[in-house]
Every structure is written in C-alpha cells, then in structure tokens.
Amino acid sequence: TSRMRSRMTHSPVFFATVPARLKALYDRCQPYWARVYVQGRPKPLKRPAALLLARGGQDPYGFTSAIDPTRSVLSVVGFEVVELLEVEGVDSPSDIGRHADALARARAIGAELAGRLGTA
C-alpha cells in the first residue's frame, strides 16, 4: 500500500457490514497499525480514497457498520476517505442498472481520484 497514490474500495454490504473476505483483508492490516502504535514509527501520509458501497433494501441499519471499519483500516494504511457513495436497493448484479445516477457518480469519483494524480 505504500506505493499507492490513491485508493478506491468497493463492496457489497451484507447485514450492515462488509463481507467476510474483505473483513479478513482488513484484519491482515494489523501490522500497519503496530508499526505506528507499537513500534512508534511515524503515521503514513494521508492519500485520497473513495468508498463505494451497495446493499439491498429492507435493512434498517444502513451502511454505518461498513463505513466505520473501512475508514479505520484505510486510515491505518495511509488513506483518507474523501468520497463516499452509498447505493441502496441492489439485491442482484442486474439491479445496478436501475441506478444510473449512482453509476455516473461512481465514474465521476474514479475520474476525480485519477485527476488528483494527473492520470485522468
């Protein structure tokens, strides 16, 4: 992660949080936390990150339990979430087609991150 100049993370949200595979990746970032808070190394510089989340409907708990741990782990590895997109009502891959505004916003977020790097 130290060579990355920006980061875009996207995930479905199941039961108000990220899936186990993504959570397992988050847990593997513990050494980055230990570098700063155990070994006393300097905190990494904050680079821009975007977080794009999609979930089905009917869940009264929203996105918070997915957003907070993702922001936390991204911070530990040197990123700050500067763009956040939450899309509700996506229960299957074909459902995203009904969210043209969200797709356009996701593309714009990607272009914005690339533009910050001078690679758009």
N, C-alpha and C. Protein backbone atom coordinates (compact mmCIF):
# COMPACT_ATOMS: atom_id res chain seq x y z
N THR A 1 0.81 -1.21 0.00
CA THR A 1 0.00 0.00 0.00
C THR A 1 0.84 1.27 0.00
N SER A 2 2.11 1.19 0.33
CA SER A 2 2.91 2.40 0.44
C SER A 2 3.18 3.05 -0.90
N ARG A 3 3.08 2.33 -2.00
CA ARG A 3 3.32 2.91 -3.32
C ARG A 3 2.05 3.48 -3.95
N MET A 4 0.91 3.13 -3.42
CA MET A 4 -0.35 3.60 -3.98
C MET A 4 -0.53 5.08 -3.69
N ARG A 5 -0.97 5.82 -4.72
CA ARG A 5 -1.18 7.25 -4.53
C ARG A 5 -2.64 7.58 -4.25
N SER A 6 -3.52 6.67 -4.55
CA SER A 6 -4.93 6.81 -4.19
C SER A 6 -5.53 5.41 -4.13
N ARG A 7 -6.75 5.34 -3.65
CA ARG A 7 -7.36 4.03 -3.44
C ARG A 7 -8.86 4.15 -3.62
N MET A 8 -9.45 3.19 -4.33
CA MET A 8 -10.90 3.10 -4.40
C MET A 8 -11.28 1.72 -3.90
N THR A 9 -12.13 1.69 -2.89
CA THR A 9 -12.61 0.43 -2.33
C THR A 9 -14.10 0.34 -2.60
N HIS A 10 -14.53 -0.80 -3.07
CA HIS A 10 -15.96 -1.01 -3.30
C HIS A 10 -16.36 -2.35 -2.71
N SER A 11 -17.59 -2.40 -2.25
CA SER A 11 -18.03 -3.63 -1.59
C SER A 11 -19.54 -3.70 -1.53
N PRO A 12 -20.07 -4.92 -1.60
CA PRO A 12 -21.47 -5.08 -1.21
C PRO A 12 -21.55 -4.99 0.31
N VAL A 13 -22.72 -4.70 0.80
CA VAL A 13 -22.94 -4.64 2.24
C VAL A 13 -23.97 -5.71 2.59
N PHE A 14 -23.55 -6.64 3.44
CA PHE A 14 -24.43 -7.71 3.89
C PHE A 14 -24.63 -7.57 5.39
N PHE A 15 -25.86 -7.56 5.84
CA PHE A 15 -26.17 -7.43 7.27
C PHE A 15 -25.45 -6.23 7.87
N ALA A 16 -25.48 -5.12 7.14
CA ALA A 16 -24.96 -3.82 7.58
C ALA A 16 -23.44 -3.71 7.62
N THR A 17 -22.72 -4.71 7.13
CA THR A 17 -21.26 -4.62 7.16
C THR A 17 -20.65 -5.24 5.90
N VAL A 18 -19.34 -5.20 5.82
CA VAL A 18 -18.65 -5.75 4.65
C VAL A 18 -18.60 -7.27 4.74
N PRO A 19 -18.47 -7.95 3.61
CA PRO A 19 -18.38 -9.41 3.62
C PRO A 19 -17.11 -9.90 4.33
N ALA A 20 -17.14 -11.15 4.72
CA ALA A 20 -16.04 -11.75 5.49
C ALA A 20 -14.70 -11.67 4.76
N ARG A 21 -14.70 -11.85 3.46
CA ARG A 21 -13.42 -11.80 2.73
C ARG A 21 -12.76 -10.43 2.85
N LEU A 22 -13.55 -9.38 2.74
CA LEU A 22 -12.99 -8.04 2.88
C LEU A 22 -12.58 -7.78 4.32
N LYS A 23 -13.38 -8.23 5.26
CA LYS A 23 -13.03 -8.07 6.67
C LYS A 23 -11.74 -8.82 6.99
N ALA A 24 -11.53 -9.98 6.39
CA ALA A 24 -10.28 -10.72 6.60
C ALA A 24 -9.09 -9.92 6.08
N LEU A 25 -9.27 -9.24 4.96
CA LEU A 25 -8.20 -8.38 4.44
C LEU A 25 -7.93 -7.24 5.43
N TYR A 26 -8.99 -6.66 5.96
CA TYR A 26 -8.81 -5.60 6.96
C TYR A 26 -8.00 -6.10 8.14
N ASP A 27 -8.33 -7.28 8.62
CA ASP A 27 -7.63 -7.84 9.78
C ASP A 27 -6.15 -8.07 9.49
N ARG A 28 -5.81 -8.31 8.25
CA ARG A 28 -4.40 -8.51 7.89
C ARG A 28 -3.62 -7.20 7.87
N CYS A 29 -4.28 -6.08 8.08
CA CYS A 29 -3.60 -4.78 8.13
C CYS A 29 -3.09 -4.47 9.53
N GLN A 30 -3.27 -5.38 10.46
CA GLN A 30 -2.82 -5.16 11.84
C GLN A 30 -1.34 -4.78 11.91
N PRO A 31 -0.44 -5.36 11.11
CA PRO A 31 0.97 -4.95 11.19
C PRO A 31 1.18 -3.46 10.88
N TYR A 32 0.34 -2.89 10.00
CA TYR A 32 0.46 -1.46 9.71
C TYR A 32 0.11 -0.64 10.93
N TRP A 33 -0.91 -1.07 11.67
CA TRP A 33 -1.28 -0.40 12.91
C TRP A 33 -0.14 -0.52 13.91
N ALA A 34 0.44 -1.71 14.04
CA ALA A 34 1.51 -1.95 15.01
C ALA A 34 2.75 -1.11 14.70
N ARG A 35 3.02 -0.87 13.44
CA ARG A 35 4.18 -0.04 13.09
C ARG A 35 4.12 1.32 13.77
N VAL A 36 2.93 1.89 13.78
CA VAL A 36 2.76 3.23 14.35
C VAL A 36 2.56 3.17 15.86
N TYR A 37 1.64 2.33 16.31
CA TYR A 37 1.21 2.38 17.70
C TYR A 37 1.97 1.46 18.65
N VAL A 38 2.77 0.56 18.12
CA VAL A 38 3.61 -0.30 18.96
C VAL A 38 5.08 0.05 18.76
N GLN A 39 5.49 0.16 17.51
CA GLN A 39 6.89 0.44 17.20
C GLN A 39 7.22 1.93 17.19
N GLY A 40 6.20 2.78 17.19
CA GLY A 40 6.43 4.22 17.27
C GLY A 40 6.88 4.87 15.97
N ARG A 41 6.69 4.22 14.86
CA ARG A 41 7.05 4.83 13.57
C ARG A 41 6.07 5.95 13.24
N PRO A 42 6.47 6.87 12.37
CA PRO A 42 5.56 7.96 12.01
C PRO A 42 4.31 7.45 11.29
N LYS A 43 3.23 8.18 11.47
CA LYS A 43 2.00 7.84 10.75
C LYS A 43 2.22 8.09 9.26
N PRO A 44 1.64 7.25 8.41
CA PRO A 44 1.80 7.46 6.97
C PRO A 44 1.04 8.71 6.53
N LEU A 45 1.51 9.31 5.45
CA LEU A 45 0.82 10.45 4.88
C LEU A 45 -0.55 10.01 4.38
N LYS A 46 -1.52 10.88 4.50
CA LYS A 46 -2.87 10.55 4.07
C LYS A 46 -3.02 10.80 2.56
N ARG A 47 -3.39 9.75 1.86
CA ARG A 47 -3.66 9.83 0.43
C ARG A 47 -5.17 9.69 0.23
N PRO A 48 -5.70 10.22 -0.87
CA PRO A 48 -7.15 10.19 -1.07
C PRO A 48 -7.67 8.79 -1.36
N ALA A 49 -8.84 8.51 -0.83
CA ALA A 49 -9.51 7.23 -1.07
C ALA A 49 -10.99 7.48 -1.29
N ALA A 50 -11.60 6.56 -2.00
CA ALA A 50 -13.05 6.59 -2.20
C ALA A 50 -13.62 5.27 -1.71
N LEU A 51 -14.82 5.33 -1.21
CA LEU A 51 -15.51 4.15 -0.72
C LEU A 51 -16.87 4.08 -1.40
N LEU A 52 -17.10 3.01 -2.12
CA LEU A 52 -18.35 2.79 -2.84
C LEU A 52 -19.01 1.54 -2.28
N LEU A 53 -20.22 1.71 -1.76
CA LEU A 53 -20.93 0.60 -1.12
C LEU A 53 -22.31 0.42 -1.74
N ALA A 54 -22.71 -0.83 -1.90
CA ALA A 54 -24.04 -1.14 -2.42
C ALA A 54 -24.68 -2.20 -1.53
N ARG A 55 -25.98 -2.04 -1.29
CA ARG A 55 -26.69 -3.02 -0.47
C ARG A 55 -28.12 -3.16 -0.97
N GLY A 56 -28.72 -4.25 -0.57
CA GLY A 56 -30.13 -4.46 -0.88
C GLY A 56 -30.98 -3.58 0.01
N GLY A 57 -32.24 -3.67 -0.17
CA GLY A 57 -33.14 -2.88 0.66
C GLY A 57 -33.56 -3.63 1.90
N GLN A 58 -34.40 -3.02 2.67
CA GLN A 58 -35.04 -3.63 3.83
C GLN A 58 -34.15 -3.77 5.06
N ASP A 59 -32.92 -3.29 5.04
CA ASP A 59 -32.06 -3.40 6.22
C ASP A 59 -32.14 -2.08 6.98
N PRO A 60 -32.68 -2.08 8.19
CA PRO A 60 -32.86 -0.83 8.92
C PRO A 60 -31.57 -0.22 9.47
N TYR A 61 -30.44 -0.92 9.35
CA TYR A 61 -29.21 -0.45 9.97
C TYR A 61 -28.28 0.28 9.03
N GLY A 62 -28.61 0.36 7.77
CA GLY A 62 -27.86 1.18 6.84
C GLY A 62 -26.45 0.73 6.57
N PHE A 63 -25.57 1.72 6.38
CA PHE A 63 -24.20 1.49 5.95
C PHE A 63 -23.15 1.71 7.03
N THR A 64 -23.54 2.26 8.16
CA THR A 64 -22.57 2.70 9.17
C THR A 64 -21.58 1.62 9.58
N SER A 65 -22.07 0.41 9.77
CA SER A 65 -21.17 -0.67 10.22
C SER A 65 -20.22 -1.13 9.13
N ALA A 66 -20.44 -0.72 7.91
CA ALA A 66 -19.49 -0.98 6.83
C ALA A 66 -18.54 0.20 6.66
N ILE A 67 -19.06 1.40 6.84
CA ILE A 67 -18.25 2.61 6.63
C ILE A 67 -17.18 2.77 7.71
N ASP A 68 -17.56 2.67 8.97
CA ASP A 68 -16.62 2.95 10.05
C ASP A 68 -15.38 2.06 10.04
N PRO A 69 -15.51 0.73 9.94
CA PRO A 69 -14.29 -0.08 9.92
C PRO A 69 -13.46 0.14 8.65
N THR A 70 -14.13 0.45 7.55
CA THR A 70 -13.38 0.70 6.31
C THR A 70 -12.58 1.99 6.43
N ARG A 71 -13.20 3.04 6.95
CA ARG A 71 -12.46 4.29 7.19
C ARG A 71 -11.27 4.04 8.12
N SER A 72 -11.50 3.24 9.15
CA SER A 72 -10.46 2.97 10.14
C SER A 72 -9.27 2.26 9.51
N VAL A 73 -9.52 1.18 8.78
CA VAL A 73 -8.41 0.43 8.20
C VAL A 73 -7.71 1.25 7.12
N LEU A 74 -8.47 2.01 6.33
CA LEU A 74 -7.82 2.84 5.32
C LEU A 74 -6.94 3.90 5.97
N SER A 75 -7.38 4.44 7.08
CA SER A 75 -6.57 5.41 7.80
C SER A 75 -5.26 4.80 8.28
N VAL A 76 -5.35 3.59 8.81
CA VAL A 76 -4.16 2.90 9.32
C VAL A 76 -3.12 2.71 8.22
N VAL A 77 -3.58 2.44 7.00
CA VAL A 77 -2.63 2.21 5.90
C VAL A 77 -2.36 3.46 5.09
N GLY A 78 -2.81 4.62 5.59
CA GLY A 78 -2.41 5.89 5.00
C GLY A 78 -3.37 6.50 4.00
N PHE A 79 -4.65 6.24 4.14
CA PHE A 79 -5.64 6.83 3.24
C PHE A 79 -6.72 7.54 4.03
N GLU A 80 -7.28 8.56 3.41
CA GLU A 80 -8.43 9.27 3.98
C GLU A 80 -9.57 9.20 2.99
N VAL A 81 -10.73 8.75 3.44
CA VAL A 81 -11.88 8.67 2.55
C VAL A 81 -12.36 10.08 2.25
N VAL A 82 -12.21 10.48 1.00
CA VAL A 82 -12.63 11.82 0.57
C VAL A 82 -13.91 11.77 -0.25
N GLU A 83 -14.28 10.59 -0.71
CA GLU A 83 -15.53 10.40 -1.46
C GLU A 83 -16.23 9.15 -0.94
N LEU A 84 -17.52 9.26 -0.75
CA LEU A 84 -18.32 8.14 -0.26
C LEU A 84 -19.59 8.04 -1.09
N LEU A 85 -19.86 6.86 -1.62
CA LEU A 85 -21.08 6.61 -2.38
C LEU A 85 -21.80 5.42 -1.77
N GLU A 86 -23.05 5.62 -1.41
CA GLU A 86 -23.88 4.56 -0.84
C GLU A 86 -25.05 4.33 -1.78
N VAL A 87 -25.21 3.10 -2.24
CA VAL A 87 -26.31 2.76 -3.15
C VAL A 87 -27.17 1.70 -2.49
N GLU A 88 -28.45 2.00 -2.36
CA GLU A 88 -29.38 1.06 -1.72
C GLU A 88 -30.32 0.48 -2.76
N GLY A 89 -30.71 -0.77 -2.55
CA GLY A 89 -31.66 -1.42 -3.46
C GLY A 89 -30.99 -2.26 -4.53
N VAL A 90 -29.79 -2.72 -4.26
CA VAL A 90 -29.05 -3.56 -5.21
C VAL A 90 -28.99 -4.97 -4.62
N ASP A 91 -29.95 -5.79 -5.01
CA ASP A 91 -30.01 -7.16 -4.48
C ASP A 91 -29.38 -8.18 -5.42
N SER A 92 -29.16 -7.80 -6.67
CA SER A 92 -28.52 -8.70 -7.64
C SER A 92 -27.70 -7.86 -8.61
N PRO A 93 -26.76 -8.47 -9.32
CA PRO A 93 -25.92 -7.70 -10.25
C PRO A 93 -26.72 -6.88 -11.26
N SER A 94 -27.85 -7.40 -11.69
CA SER A 94 -28.63 -6.67 -12.69
C SER A 94 -29.33 -5.44 -12.11
N ASP A 95 -29.46 -5.36 -10.81
CA ASP A 95 -30.14 -4.22 -10.18
C ASP A 95 -29.38 -2.91 -10.33
N ILE A 96 -28.08 -2.96 -10.46
CA ILE A 96 -27.31 -1.71 -10.53
C ILE A 96 -27.69 -0.90 -11.76
N GLY A 97 -28.19 -1.56 -12.79
CA GLY A 97 -28.62 -0.85 -13.99
C GLY A 97 -29.75 0.13 -13.73
N ARG A 98 -30.48 -0.08 -12.67
CA ARG A 98 -31.57 0.83 -12.30
C ARG A 98 -31.08 2.05 -11.52
N HIS A 99 -29.80 2.14 -11.34
CA HIS A 99 -29.22 3.24 -10.55
C HIS A 99 -28.25 4.04 -11.41
N ALA A 100 -28.76 4.60 -12.48
CA ALA A 100 -27.92 5.33 -13.43
C ALA A 100 -27.18 6.49 -12.75
N ASP A 101 -27.83 7.18 -11.85
CA ASP A 101 -27.17 8.30 -11.16
C ASP A 101 -25.99 7.81 -10.33
N ALA A 102 -26.16 6.68 -9.66
CA ALA A 102 -25.07 6.13 -8.84
C ALA A 102 -23.91 5.68 -9.72
N LEU A 103 -24.22 5.06 -10.85
CA LEU A 103 -23.15 4.64 -11.78
C LEU A 103 -22.39 5.85 -12.30
N ALA A 104 -23.11 6.90 -12.65
CA ALA A 104 -22.45 8.12 -13.12
C ALA A 104 -21.59 8.72 -12.01
N ARG A 105 -22.10 8.72 -10.80
CA ARG A 105 -21.33 9.25 -9.67
C ARG A 105 -20.08 8.40 -9.41
N ALA A 106 -20.19 7.08 -9.51
CA ALA A 106 -19.03 6.20 -9.33
C ALA A 106 -17.96 6.51 -10.38
N ARG A 107 -18.39 6.70 -11.62
CA ARG A 107 -17.42 7.06 -12.67
C ARG A 107 -16.77 8.40 -12.37
N ALA A 108 -17.57 9.35 -11.92
CA ALA A 108 -17.03 10.68 -11.60
C ALA A 108 -16.04 10.60 -10.45
N ILE A 109 -16.33 9.78 -9.46
CA ILE A 109 -15.41 9.61 -8.34
C ILE A 109 -14.09 9.02 -8.83
N GLY A 110 -14.16 8.01 -9.68
CA GLY A 110 -12.94 7.43 -10.25
C GLY A 110 -12.15 8.45 -11.03
N ALA A 111 -12.84 9.25 -11.83
CA ALA A 111 -12.16 10.30 -12.61
C ALA A 111 -11.54 11.34 -11.69
N GLU A 112 -12.25 11.68 -10.62
CA GLU A 112 -11.72 12.65 -9.65
C GLU A 112 -10.44 12.13 -9.00
N LEU A 113 -10.43 10.88 -8.58
CA LEU A 113 -9.21 10.31 -7.99
C LEU A 113 -8.08 10.29 -9.00
N ALA A 114 -8.38 9.87 -10.22
CA ALA A 114 -7.35 9.85 -11.26
C ALA A 114 -6.86 11.26 -11.55
N GLY A 115 -7.78 12.22 -11.55
CA GLY A 115 -7.41 13.61 -11.79
C GLY A 115 -6.48 14.17 -10.73
N ARG A 116 -6.67 13.75 -9.51
CA ARG A 116 -5.78 14.18 -8.42
C ARG A 116 -4.36 13.69 -8.65
N LEU A 117 -4.25 12.61 -9.41
CA LEU A 117 -2.94 12.02 -9.69
C LEU A 117 -2.36 12.51 -11.00
N GLY A 118 -3.15 13.27 -11.75
CA GLY A 118 -2.68 13.73 -13.04
C GLY A 118 -2.68 12.63 -14.09
N THR A 119 -3.55 11.62 -13.91
CA THR A 119 -3.57 10.50 -14.84
C THR A 119 -4.93 10.32 -15.50
N ALA A 120 -5.79 11.32 -15.41
CA ALA A 120 -7.14 11.18 -15.98
C ALA A 120 -7.10 11.21 -17.49
